[in-house]
Amino acid sequence: MSALRSPKTYAALAAFHAVDAVACGVQVAPIKKVLDDLGVPDEIRPVLPVVKAAAAIGLLSVTRFPALARLTTAMLTLYFTLAVGAHVRARDKLVNTLPAATFLATFAAMTVKGPQRG
């Protein structure tokens, strides 16, 4: 079994996105700085915690609704494609772009493979 198909991987990534949703919601200093550096408009920022919370729920659905979990990984692939694009557009340092690029590759691979069956 591939680690990318494991329900434990989905659960771990869901936990990450849940914590990230809270951090985005309260705009902890490092996240606020990144959003400022990337030029994310203030009116877009309240949407980010909602998107991240929805992602966490979608990832957690893997055992009961594997198709929803797979759709979630596809949407996260799109989200991180846009994030990498924002970093590139802002001419951000590679070290700042790397986490988004890593998530992009991870979620793209998870979408292609799909979750583990039964």
N, C-alpha and C. Protein backbone atom coordinates (compact mmCIF):
# COMPACT_ATOMS: atom_id res chain seq x y z
N MET A 1 0.85 -1.19 0.00
CA MET A 1 0.00 0.00 0.00
C MET A 1 0.89 1.24 0.00
N SER A 2 0.47 2.19 -0.78
CA SER A 2 1.19 3.45 -0.87
C SER A 2 0.77 4.37 0.27
N ALA A 3 1.74 5.06 0.84
CA ALA A 3 1.44 6.01 1.92
C ALA A 3 0.49 7.10 1.44
N LEU A 4 0.57 7.47 0.16
CA LEU A 4 -0.31 8.51 -0.36
C LEU A 4 -1.77 8.07 -0.43
N ARG A 5 -2.03 6.78 -0.37
CA ARG A 5 -3.40 6.27 -0.45
C ARG A 5 -3.96 5.94 0.93
N SER A 6 -3.15 6.00 1.95
CA SER A 6 -3.53 5.58 3.29
C SER A 6 -4.50 6.57 3.95
N PRO A 7 -5.54 6.06 4.63
CA PRO A 7 -6.42 6.93 5.40
C PRO A 7 -5.68 7.73 6.47
N LYS A 8 -4.58 7.18 6.98
CA LYS A 8 -3.78 7.90 7.98
C LYS A 8 -3.15 9.15 7.38
N THR A 9 -2.72 9.06 6.14
CA THR A 9 -2.15 10.22 5.45
C THR A 9 -3.22 11.29 5.27
N TYR A 10 -4.41 10.84 4.84
CA TYR A 10 -5.52 11.79 4.69
C TYR A 10 -5.85 12.46 6.02
N ALA A 11 -5.86 11.68 7.10
CA ALA A 11 -6.17 12.22 8.43
C ALA A 11 -5.10 13.21 8.89
N ALA A 12 -3.84 12.88 8.64
CA ALA A 12 -2.75 13.79 9.04
C ALA A 12 -2.83 15.11 8.27
N LEU A 13 -3.10 15.02 6.98
CA LEU A 13 -3.23 16.24 6.18
C LEU A 13 -4.48 17.03 6.56
N ALA A 14 -5.53 16.33 6.95
CA ALA A 14 -6.75 17.01 7.43
C ALA A 14 -6.44 17.77 8.71
N ALA A 15 -5.70 17.15 9.62
CA ALA A 15 -5.33 17.82 10.87
C ALA A 15 -4.50 19.06 10.57
N PHE A 16 -3.57 18.94 9.65
CA PHE A 16 -2.75 20.10 9.27
C PHE A 16 -3.64 21.24 8.75
N HIS A 17 -4.57 20.91 7.87
CA HIS A 17 -5.43 21.95 7.29
C HIS A 17 -6.39 22.53 8.32
N ALA A 18 -6.81 21.75 9.29
CA ALA A 18 -7.67 22.28 10.35
C ALA A 18 -6.91 23.31 11.19
N VAL A 19 -5.69 22.96 11.56
CA VAL A 19 -4.86 23.90 12.33
C VAL A 19 -4.55 25.14 11.48
N ASP A 20 -4.25 24.93 10.21
CA ASP A 20 -3.96 26.04 9.31
C ASP A 20 -5.19 26.94 9.14
N ALA A 21 -6.38 26.36 9.13
CA ALA A 21 -7.61 27.16 9.02
C ALA A 21 -7.73 28.10 10.21
N VAL A 22 -7.46 27.57 11.40
CA VAL A 22 -7.52 28.41 12.60
C VAL A 22 -6.45 29.50 12.54
N ALA A 23 -5.24 29.12 12.16
CA ALA A 23 -4.14 30.09 12.07
C ALA A 23 -4.45 31.19 11.05
N CYS A 24 -5.07 30.82 9.95
CA CYS A 24 -5.47 31.82 8.95
C CYS A 24 -6.61 32.69 9.47
N GLY A 25 -7.50 32.07 10.21
CA GLY A 25 -8.64 32.81 10.74
C GLY A 25 -8.24 33.90 11.72
N VAL A 26 -7.25 33.61 12.56
CA VAL A 26 -6.79 34.61 13.53
C VAL A 26 -5.62 35.42 12.98
N GLN A 27 -5.19 35.08 11.77
CA GLN A 27 -4.08 35.75 11.09
C GLN A 27 -2.84 35.88 11.98
N VAL A 28 -2.28 34.73 12.33
CA VAL A 28 -1.03 34.76 13.08
C VAL A 28 0.02 35.49 12.24
N ALA A 29 0.97 36.10 12.92
CA ALA A 29 1.92 37.01 12.27
C ALA A 29 2.61 36.42 11.03
N PRO A 30 3.15 35.19 11.08
CA PRO A 30 3.83 34.67 9.88
C PRO A 30 2.89 34.53 8.68
N ILE A 31 1.66 34.12 8.94
CA ILE A 31 0.71 33.97 7.84
C ILE A 31 0.32 35.33 7.29
N LYS A 32 0.09 36.28 8.16
CA LYS A 32 -0.24 37.63 7.72
C LYS A 32 0.88 38.21 6.86
N LYS A 33 2.12 37.97 7.27
CA LYS A 33 3.27 38.47 6.50
C LYS A 33 3.31 37.85 5.11
N VAL A 34 3.11 36.54 5.02
CA VAL A 34 3.12 35.87 3.72
C VAL A 34 2.01 36.43 2.83
N LEU A 35 0.82 36.57 3.39
CA LEU A 35 -0.29 37.10 2.61
C LEU A 35 -0.02 38.53 2.16
N ASP A 36 0.58 39.33 3.04
CA ASP A 36 0.97 40.69 2.67
C ASP A 36 2.02 40.68 1.55
N ASP A 37 3.04 39.84 1.72
CA ASP A 37 4.12 39.75 0.72
C ASP A 37 3.59 39.31 -0.65
N LEU A 38 2.57 38.44 -0.65
CA LEU A 38 2.02 37.95 -1.91
C LEU A 38 0.96 38.90 -2.48
N GLY A 39 0.59 39.91 -1.71
CA GLY A 39 -0.39 40.87 -2.19
C GLY A 39 -1.81 40.34 -2.20
N VAL A 40 -2.12 39.42 -1.28
CA VAL A 40 -3.48 38.88 -1.21
C VAL A 40 -4.40 39.98 -0.65
N PRO A 41 -5.44 40.33 -1.40
CA PRO A 41 -6.33 41.42 -0.95
C PRO A 41 -7.06 41.06 0.35
N ASP A 42 -7.34 42.08 1.15
CA ASP A 42 -8.01 41.88 2.44
C ASP A 42 -9.37 41.20 2.28
N GLU A 43 -10.08 41.49 1.20
CA GLU A 43 -11.40 40.89 1.03
C GLU A 43 -11.36 39.40 0.70
N ILE A 44 -10.21 38.89 0.28
CA ILE A 44 -10.05 37.46 -0.01
C ILE A 44 -9.69 36.68 1.25
N ARG A 45 -9.01 37.29 2.17
CA ARG A 45 -8.47 36.61 3.35
C ARG A 45 -9.50 35.87 4.20
N PRO A 46 -10.71 36.40 4.38
CA PRO A 46 -11.69 35.65 5.18
C PRO A 46 -12.15 34.34 4.53
N VAL A 47 -11.93 34.21 3.23
CA VAL A 47 -12.32 32.99 2.52
C VAL A 47 -11.33 31.85 2.82
N LEU A 48 -10.08 32.17 3.07
CA LEU A 48 -9.05 31.15 3.24
C LEU A 48 -9.33 30.18 4.38
N PRO A 49 -9.73 30.63 5.58
CA PRO A 49 -10.03 29.66 6.64
C PRO A 49 -11.20 28.74 6.28
N VAL A 50 -12.16 29.27 5.55
CA VAL A 50 -13.31 28.45 5.14
C VAL A 50 -12.86 27.37 4.17
N VAL A 51 -12.03 27.75 3.21
CA VAL A 51 -11.50 26.79 2.24
C VAL A 51 -10.68 25.72 2.94
N LYS A 52 -9.84 26.12 3.88
CA LYS A 52 -8.98 25.16 4.57
C LYS A 52 -9.79 24.24 5.49
N ALA A 53 -10.82 24.77 6.13
CA ALA A 53 -11.69 23.93 6.96
C ALA A 53 -12.46 22.93 6.09
N ALA A 54 -12.94 23.39 4.95
CA ALA A 54 -13.63 22.49 4.02
C ALA A 54 -12.68 21.40 3.52
N ALA A 55 -11.44 21.78 3.27
CA ALA A 55 -10.45 20.80 2.84
C ALA A 55 -10.24 19.74 3.92
N ALA A 56 -10.16 20.17 5.18
CA ALA A 56 -9.98 19.23 6.28
C ALA A 56 -11.14 18.25 6.34
N ILE A 57 -12.36 18.76 6.21
CA ILE A 57 -13.54 17.89 6.24
C ILE A 57 -13.54 16.93 5.06
N GLY A 58 -13.22 17.44 3.88
CA GLY A 58 -13.17 16.59 2.70
C GLY A 58 -12.14 15.49 2.82
N LEU A 59 -10.97 15.81 3.37
CA LEU A 59 -9.93 14.79 3.55
C LEU A 59 -10.36 13.75 4.59
N LEU A 60 -11.05 14.20 5.63
CA LEU A 60 -11.51 13.26 6.67
C LEU A 60 -12.60 12.33 6.17
N SER A 61 -13.23 12.66 5.05
CA SER A 61 -14.30 11.83 4.51
C SER A 61 -13.79 10.57 3.81
N VAL A 62 -12.50 10.36 3.81
CA VAL A 62 -11.88 9.32 2.98
C VAL A 62 -12.45 7.92 3.19
N THR A 63 -12.78 7.55 4.42
CA THR A 63 -13.25 6.17 4.64
C THR A 63 -14.72 5.99 4.26
N ARG A 64 -15.53 7.02 4.46
CA ARG A 64 -16.97 6.91 4.15
C ARG A 64 -17.29 7.36 2.73
N PHE A 65 -16.59 8.39 2.27
CA PHE A 65 -16.87 8.95 0.95
C PHE A 65 -15.56 9.15 0.18
N PRO A 66 -14.94 8.07 -0.30
CA PRO A 66 -13.65 8.20 -0.97
C PRO A 66 -13.69 9.11 -2.21
N ALA A 67 -14.82 9.16 -2.90
CA ALA A 67 -14.90 10.04 -4.07
C ALA A 67 -14.81 11.51 -3.65
N LEU A 68 -15.42 11.85 -2.52
CA LEU A 68 -15.33 13.22 -2.01
C LEU A 68 -13.89 13.55 -1.60
N ALA A 69 -13.23 12.59 -0.97
CA ALA A 69 -11.83 12.80 -0.59
C ALA A 69 -10.96 13.02 -1.83
N ARG A 70 -11.24 12.26 -2.87
CA ARG A 70 -10.46 12.42 -4.11
C ARG A 70 -10.76 13.77 -4.76
N LEU A 71 -12.02 14.19 -4.76
CA LEU A 71 -12.36 15.51 -5.26
C LEU A 71 -11.65 16.59 -4.45
N THR A 72 -11.57 16.38 -3.15
CA THR A 72 -10.88 17.33 -2.28
C THR A 72 -9.41 17.44 -2.65
N THR A 73 -8.75 16.31 -2.90
CA THR A 73 -7.33 16.38 -3.28
C THR A 73 -7.18 17.07 -4.64
N ALA A 74 -8.15 16.88 -5.53
CA ALA A 74 -8.09 17.58 -6.83
C ALA A 74 -8.23 19.09 -6.63
N MET A 75 -9.16 19.49 -5.77
CA MET A 75 -9.35 20.92 -5.51
C MET A 75 -8.14 21.52 -4.78
N LEU A 76 -7.52 20.73 -3.90
CA LEU A 76 -6.31 21.21 -3.24
C LEU A 76 -5.15 21.32 -4.23
N THR A 77 -5.13 20.46 -5.24
CA THR A 77 -4.13 20.58 -6.30
C THR A 77 -4.31 21.93 -7.01
N LEU A 78 -5.54 22.28 -7.32
CA LEU A 78 -5.82 23.58 -7.93
C LEU A 78 -5.42 24.72 -6.99
N TYR A 79 -5.81 24.62 -5.72
CA TYR A 79 -5.49 25.64 -4.72
C TYR A 79 -3.98 25.88 -4.66
N PHE A 80 -3.20 24.80 -4.59
CA PHE A 80 -1.75 24.96 -4.47
C PHE A 80 -1.10 25.35 -5.80
N THR A 81 -1.76 25.06 -6.92
CA THR A 81 -1.28 25.59 -8.20
C THR A 81 -1.38 27.12 -8.18
N LEU A 82 -2.52 27.61 -7.68
CA LEU A 82 -2.70 29.07 -7.56
C LEU A 82 -1.72 29.66 -6.55
N ALA A 83 -1.46 28.93 -5.45
CA ALA A 83 -0.52 29.43 -4.44
C ALA A 83 0.90 29.53 -5.02
N VAL A 84 1.32 28.50 -5.73
CA VAL A 84 2.65 28.55 -6.35
C VAL A 84 2.70 29.70 -7.35
N GLY A 85 1.63 29.86 -8.12
CA GLY A 85 1.57 30.97 -9.07
C GLY A 85 1.68 32.32 -8.38
N ALA A 86 1.04 32.46 -7.22
CA ALA A 86 1.13 33.72 -6.47
C ALA A 86 2.56 33.98 -6.00
N HIS A 87 3.23 32.93 -5.55
CA HIS A 87 4.63 33.07 -5.12
C HIS A 87 5.52 33.48 -6.31
N VAL A 88 5.30 32.84 -7.44
CA VAL A 88 6.10 33.15 -8.63
C VAL A 88 5.81 34.58 -9.09
N ARG A 89 4.53 34.95 -9.14
CA ARG A 89 4.15 36.30 -9.56
C ARG A 89 4.78 37.37 -8.67
N ALA A 90 4.86 37.07 -7.37
CA ALA A 90 5.44 38.02 -6.41
C ALA A 90 6.97 37.95 -6.39
N ARG A 91 7.53 37.06 -7.20
CA ARG A 91 8.98 36.86 -7.23
C ARG A 91 9.52 36.53 -5.84
N ASP A 92 8.75 35.68 -5.16
CA ASP A 92 9.11 35.26 -3.81
C ASP A 92 10.32 34.33 -3.86
N LYS A 93 10.99 34.24 -2.74
CA LYS A 93 12.15 33.35 -2.64
C LYS A 93 11.72 31.91 -2.82
N LEU A 94 12.61 31.10 -3.38
CA LEU A 94 12.32 29.68 -3.60
C LEU A 94 11.97 28.99 -2.28
N VAL A 95 12.67 29.34 -1.22
CA VAL A 95 12.44 28.69 0.07
C VAL A 95 11.01 28.96 0.57
N ASN A 96 10.43 30.09 0.18
CA ASN A 96 9.05 30.39 0.57
C ASN A 96 8.04 29.71 -0.34
N THR A 97 8.45 29.40 -1.56
CA THR A 97 7.57 28.75 -2.54
C THR A 97 7.56 27.24 -2.36
N LEU A 98 8.62 26.71 -1.80
CA LEU A 98 8.79 25.25 -1.70
C LEU A 98 7.66 24.54 -0.95
N PRO A 99 7.16 25.03 0.18
CA PRO A 99 6.05 24.32 0.84
C PRO A 99 4.81 24.20 -0.06
N ALA A 100 4.44 25.27 -0.74
CA ALA A 100 3.28 25.22 -1.63
C ALA A 100 3.54 24.24 -2.77
N ALA A 101 4.74 24.25 -3.32
CA ALA A 101 5.08 23.33 -4.41
C ALA A 101 5.05 21.88 -3.94
N THR A 102 5.50 21.64 -2.72
CA THR A 102 5.48 20.29 -2.16
C THR A 102 4.04 19.81 -1.97
N PHE A 103 3.19 20.68 -1.42
CA PHE A 103 1.78 20.32 -1.28
C PHE A 103 1.13 20.10 -2.65
N LEU A 104 1.48 20.92 -3.62
CA LEU A 104 0.96 20.75 -4.97
C LEU A 104 1.30 19.35 -5.50
N ALA A 105 2.56 18.95 -5.40
CA ALA A 105 2.98 17.64 -5.89
C ALA A 105 2.30 16.52 -5.10
N THR A 106 2.19 16.69 -3.79
CA THR A 106 1.57 15.65 -2.94
C THR A 106 0.11 15.46 -3.31
N PHE A 107 -0.65 16.55 -3.37
CA PHE A 107 -2.08 16.43 -3.66
C PHE A 107 -2.34 15.99 -5.09
N ALA A 108 -1.48 16.38 -6.03
CA ALA A 108 -1.63 15.90 -7.40
C ALA A 108 -1.43 14.39 -7.45
N ALA A 109 -0.41 13.89 -6.77
CA ALA A 109 -0.17 12.44 -6.74
C ALA A 109 -1.32 11.71 -6.04
N MET A 110 -1.83 12.29 -4.95
CA MET A 110 -2.95 11.68 -4.24
C MET A 110 -4.19 11.64 -5.13
N THR A 111 -4.39 12.65 -5.95
CA THR A 111 -5.55 12.68 -6.84
C THR A 111 -5.42 11.59 -7.90
N VAL A 112 -4.23 11.45 -8.45
CA VAL A 112 -4.01 10.43 -9.49
C VAL A 112 -4.20 9.02 -8.91
N LYS A 113 -3.63 8.76 -7.74
CA LYS A 113 -3.69 7.43 -7.14
C LYS A 113 -5.05 7.13 -6.53
N GLY A 114 -5.69 8.14 -5.94
CA GLY A 114 -6.95 7.92 -5.24
C GLY A 114 -6.72 7.26 -3.90
N PRO A 115 -7.74 7.32 -3.04
CA PRO A 115 -7.60 6.71 -1.72
C PRO A 115 -7.64 5.19 -1.77
N GLN A 116 -7.11 4.60 -0.73
CA GLN A 116 -7.11 3.14 -0.58
C GLN A 116 -8.55 2.64 -0.53
N ARG A 117 -8.81 1.52 -1.14
CA ARG A 117 -10.17 0.97 -1.13
C ARG A 117 -10.30 -0.05 -0.01
N GLY A 118 -11.47 0.03 0.66
CA GLY A 118 -11.89 -0.90 1.71
C GLY A 118 -10.83 -1.51 2.45
